[in-house]
């Protein structure tokens, strides 16, 4: 059974930092590009960042590059999202996803976690 379990969300003031973690089953992690998406209330789920098996990264240029960093620890089957200089507009539920091909479309990702809430206060 494929499982993706996110953790690390919470409430932080603007300008602060959080690190999200997503643990996947070993088989899924070893075969997959891993990505983070987010969904704010009343909005569509949007791509944040992805990392391929080889470590190639794709960022959403406009909103997070320079502030967010994705990394993966293959020994721990874990992908991380380091979020710095957080802004109120980063407030959303953040979802971890796994897929076969690196990209920014949600339809490229077959497996999803339950999400973790990130709230940034002004």
C-alpha atoms as a PDB file:
ATOM      1  CA  UNK A   1       0.000   0.000   0.000  1.00  0.00           C
ATOM      2  CA  UNK A   2       1.347   3.384  -0.981  1.00  0.00           C
ATOM      3  CA  UNK A   3       1.523   5.884   1.813  1.00  0.00           C
ATOM      4  CA  UNK A   4       2.744   9.421   1.903  1.00  0.00           C
ATOM      5  CA  UNK A   5       2.716  11.050   5.314  1.00  0.00           C
ATOM      6  CA  UNK A   6       3.411  14.755   5.705  1.00  0.00           C
ATOM      7  CA  UNK A   7       4.436  16.541   8.872  1.00  0.00           C
ATOM      8  CA  UNK A   8       5.915  19.823   9.992  1.00  0.00           C
ATOM      9  CA  UNK A   9       3.125  22.260   9.306  1.00  0.00           C
ATOM     10  CA  UNK A  10       2.016  24.859  11.805  1.00  0.00           C
ATOM     11  CA  UNK A  11       1.543  28.517  12.558  1.00  0.00           C
ATOM     12  CA  UNK A  12       4.412  30.920  11.947  1.00  0.00           C
ATOM     13  CA  UNK A  13       4.814  34.670  11.688  1.00  0.00           C
ATOM     14  CA  UNK A  14       5.640  36.348   8.416  1.00  0.00           C
ATOM     15  CA  UNK A  15       9.357  36.147   7.741  1.00  0.00           C
ATOM     16  CA  UNK A  16       9.694  32.906   9.658  1.00  0.00           C
ATOM     17  CA  UNK A  17      10.613  29.406   8.521  1.00  0.00           C
ATOM     18  CA  UNK A  18       9.170  25.918   8.540  1.00  0.00           C
ATOM     19  CA  UNK A  19      10.402  22.574   7.287  1.00  0.00           C
ATOM     20  CA  UNK A  20       7.901  20.077   5.977  1.00  0.00           C
ATOM     21  CA  UNK A  21       8.668  16.384   5.752  1.00  0.00           C
ATOM     22  CA  UNK A  22       7.031  13.621   3.748  1.00  0.00           C
ATOM     23  CA  UNK A  23       7.817   9.977   4.371  1.00  0.00           C
ATOM     24  CA  UNK A  24       6.963   7.497   1.631  1.00  0.00           C
ATOM     25  CA  UNK A  25       7.007   3.743   1.417  1.00  0.00           C
ATOM     26  CA  UNK A  26      10.408   2.549   0.272  1.00  0.00           C
ATOM     27  CA  UNK A  27       9.249   1.138  -3.035  1.00  0.00           C
ATOM     28  CA  UNK A  28       7.341   4.258  -3.994  1.00  0.00           C
ATOM     29  CA  UNK A  29      10.119   6.603  -3.012  1.00  0.00           C
ATOM     30  CA  UNK A  30      12.789   4.740  -4.945  1.00  0.00           C
ATOM     31  CA  UNK A  31      10.771   4.910  -8.163  1.00  0.00           C
ATOM     32  CA  UNK A  32       9.385   8.389  -7.971  1.00  0.00           C
ATOM     33  CA  UNK A  33       9.724  12.024  -8.580  1.00  0.00           C
ATOM     34  CA  UNK A  34       8.506  13.737  -5.418  1.00  0.00           C
ATOM     35  CA  UNK A  35       6.681  17.039  -5.348  1.00  0.00           C
ATOM     36  CA  UNK A  36       4.933  19.522  -3.126  1.00  0.00           C
ATOM     37  CA  UNK A  37       1.669  21.199  -4.015  1.00  0.00           C
ATOM     38  CA  UNK A  38      -0.450  23.561  -1.981  1.00  0.00           C
ATOM     39  CA  UNK A  39      -4.065  24.565  -1.824  1.00  0.00           C
ATOM     40  CA  UNK A  40      -5.383  27.718  -0.234  1.00  0.00           C
ATOM     41  CA  UNK A  41      -9.071  28.062   0.735  1.00  0.00           C
ATOM     42  CA  UNK A  42     -11.228  28.604  -2.323  1.00  0.00           C
ATOM     43  CA  UNK A  43      -8.345  28.120  -4.732  1.00  0.00           C
ATOM     44  CA  UNK A  44      -7.087  25.388  -7.019  1.00  0.00           C
ATOM     45  CA  UNK A  45      -4.308  23.097  -5.896  1.00  0.00           C
ATOM     46  CA  UNK A  46      -1.085  24.550  -7.270  1.00  0.00           C
ATOM     47  CA  UNK A  47       2.388  23.261  -7.902  1.00  0.00           C
ATOM     48  CA  UNK A  48       5.186  24.406  -5.624  1.00  0.00           C
ATOM     49  CA  UNK A  49       8.286  22.359  -6.357  1.00  0.00           C
ATOM     50  CA  UNK A  50       9.439  18.909  -7.487  1.00  0.00           C
ATOM     51  CA  UNK A  51      12.596  16.828  -7.333  1.00  0.00           C
ATOM     52  CA  UNK A  52      13.393  13.914  -9.602  1.00  0.00           C
ATOM     53  CA  UNK A  53      15.218  10.731  -8.737  1.00  0.00           C
ATOM     54  CA  UNK A  54      18.429  12.272 -10.008  1.00  0.00           C
ATOM     55  CA  UNK A  55      17.950  15.403  -7.941  1.00  0.00           C
ATOM     56  CA  UNK A  56      16.768  17.675 -10.751  1.00  0.00           C
ATOM     57  CA  UNK A  57      14.535  20.369  -9.281  1.00  0.00           C
ATOM     58  CA  UNK A  58      11.617  22.219 -10.757  1.00  0.00           C
ATOM     59  CA  UNK A  59      10.330  25.304  -8.958  1.00  0.00           C
ATOM     60  CA  UNK A  60       7.328  27.490  -9.395  1.00  0.00           C
ATOM     61  CA  UNK A  61       9.362  30.498 -10.444  1.00  0.00           C
ATOM     62  CA  UNK A  62       7.004  33.248  -9.543  1.00  0.00           C
ATOM     63  CA  UNK A  63       6.052  32.389  -6.039  1.00  0.00           C
ATOM     64  CA  UNK A  64       8.679  30.393  -4.207  1.00  0.00           C
ATOM     65  CA  UNK A  65      12.044  30.280  -5.905  1.00  0.00           C
ATOM     66  CA  UNK A  66      14.694  31.746  -3.672  1.00  0.00           C
ATOM     67  CA  UNK A  67      12.622  31.080  -0.568  1.00  0.00           C
ATOM     68  CA  UNK A  68      11.695  27.381  -0.709  1.00  0.00           C
ATOM     69  CA  UNK A  69      14.085  24.457  -1.157  1.00  0.00           C
ATOM     70  CA  UNK A  70      13.210  20.839  -1.821  1.00  0.00           C
ATOM     71  CA  UNK A  71      15.528  17.975  -0.957  1.00  0.00           C
ATOM     72  CA  UNK A  72      15.299  14.230  -0.628  1.00  0.00           C
ATOM     73  CA  UNK A  73      17.000  11.717   1.643  1.00  0.00           C
ATOM     74  CA  UNK A  74      16.886   8.409  -0.177  1.00  0.00           C
ATOM     75  CA  UNK A  75      18.118   6.488   2.861  1.00  0.00           C
ATOM     76  CA  UNK A  76      15.120   7.710   4.857  1.00  0.00           C
ATOM     77  CA  UNK A  77      12.552   7.652   2.034  1.00  0.00           C
ATOM     78  CA  UNK A  78      11.842  11.254   2.919  1.00  0.00           C
ATOM     79  CA  UNK A  79      11.427  14.464   0.978  1.00  0.00           C
ATOM     80  CA  UNK A  80      11.701  17.849   2.663  1.00  0.00           C
ATOM     81  CA  UNK A  81      10.453  21.319   1.905  1.00  0.00           C
ATOM     82  CA  UNK A  82      12.428  24.047   3.626  1.00  0.00           C
ATOM     83  CA  UNK A  83      10.387  27.238   3.584  1.00  0.00           C
ATOM     84  CA  UNK A  84      12.069  30.514   4.488  1.00  0.00           C
ATOM     85  CA  UNK A  85      10.889  34.121   4.445  1.00  0.00           C
ATOM     86  CA  UNK A  86       7.313  32.950   4.681  1.00  0.00           C
ATOM     87  CA  UNK A  87       4.536  35.305   3.625  1.00  0.00           C
ATOM     88  CA  UNK A  88       0.835  35.326   4.524  1.00  0.00           C
ATOM     89  CA  UNK A  89       0.058  34.314   0.951  1.00  0.00           C
ATOM     90  CA  UNK A  90       1.939  31.052   1.566  1.00  0.00           C
ATOM     91  CA  UNK A  91      -0.887  29.999   3.869  1.00  0.00           C
ATOM     92  CA  UNK A  92      -2.343  26.751   2.532  1.00  0.00           C
ATOM     93  CA  UNK A  93      -2.584  23.025   2.995  1.00  0.00           C
ATOM     94  CA  UNK A  94       0.621  21.540   1.626  1.00  0.00           C
ATOM     95  CA  UNK A  95       0.474  18.157  -0.076  1.00  0.00           C
ATOM     96  CA  UNK A  96       3.242  15.718  -0.863  1.00  0.00           C
ATOM     97  CA  UNK A  97       2.913  13.788  -4.126  1.00  0.00           C
ATOM     98  CA  UNK A  98       4.748  11.003  -5.940  1.00  0.00           C
ATOM     99  CA  UNK A  99       4.861  10.329  -9.657  1.00  0.00           C
ATOM    100  CA  UNK A 100       6.911   8.837 -12.438  1.00  0.00           C
ATOM    101  CA  UNK A 101       7.728  11.975 -14.375  1.00  0.00           C
ATOM    102  CA  UNK A 102       8.975  15.300 -13.052  1.00  0.00           C
ATOM    103  CA  UNK A 103       6.626  18.125 -13.877  1.00  0.00           C
ATOM    104  CA  UNK A 104       4.324  20.790 -12.546  1.00  0.00           C
ATOM    105  CA  UNK A 105       0.956  19.305 -13.436  1.00  0.00           C
ATOM    106  CA  UNK A 106      -1.024  17.660 -10.651  1.00  0.00           C
ATOM    107  CA  UNK A 107      -2.118  15.016 -13.144  1.00  0.00           C
ATOM    108  CA  UNK A 108       1.453  13.734 -13.400  1.00  0.00           C
ATOM    109  CA  UNK A 109       1.344  12.564  -9.791  1.00  0.00           C
ATOM    110  CA  UNK A 110      -0.426   9.366  -8.875  1.00  0.00           C
ATOM    111  CA  UNK A 111      -0.003   9.254  -5.119  1.00  0.00           C
ATOM    112  CA  UNK A 112      -0.854  11.946  -2.593  1.00  0.00           C
ATOM    113  CA  UNK A 113      -0.547  12.535   1.107  1.00  0.00           C
ATOM    114  CA  UNK A 114      -3.301  13.875   3.342  1.00  0.00           C
ATOM    115  CA  UNK A 115      -1.776  17.321   3.617  1.00  0.00           C
ATOM    116  CA  UNK A 116      -0.404  19.495   6.384  1.00  0.00           C
ATOM    117  CA  UNK A 117      -1.631  22.974   7.227  1.00  0.00           C
ATOM    118  CA  UNK A 118       0.735  25.925   7.044  1.00  0.00           C
ATOM    119  CA  UNK A 119      -0.539  29.230   8.385  1.00  0.00           C
ATOM    120  CA  UNK A 120       1.516  32.409   8.130  1.00  0.00           C
ATOM    121  CA  UNK A 121       0.340  35.347  10.198  1.00  0.00           C
ATOM    122  CA  UNK A 122       1.067  38.944   9.275  1.00  0.00           C
END
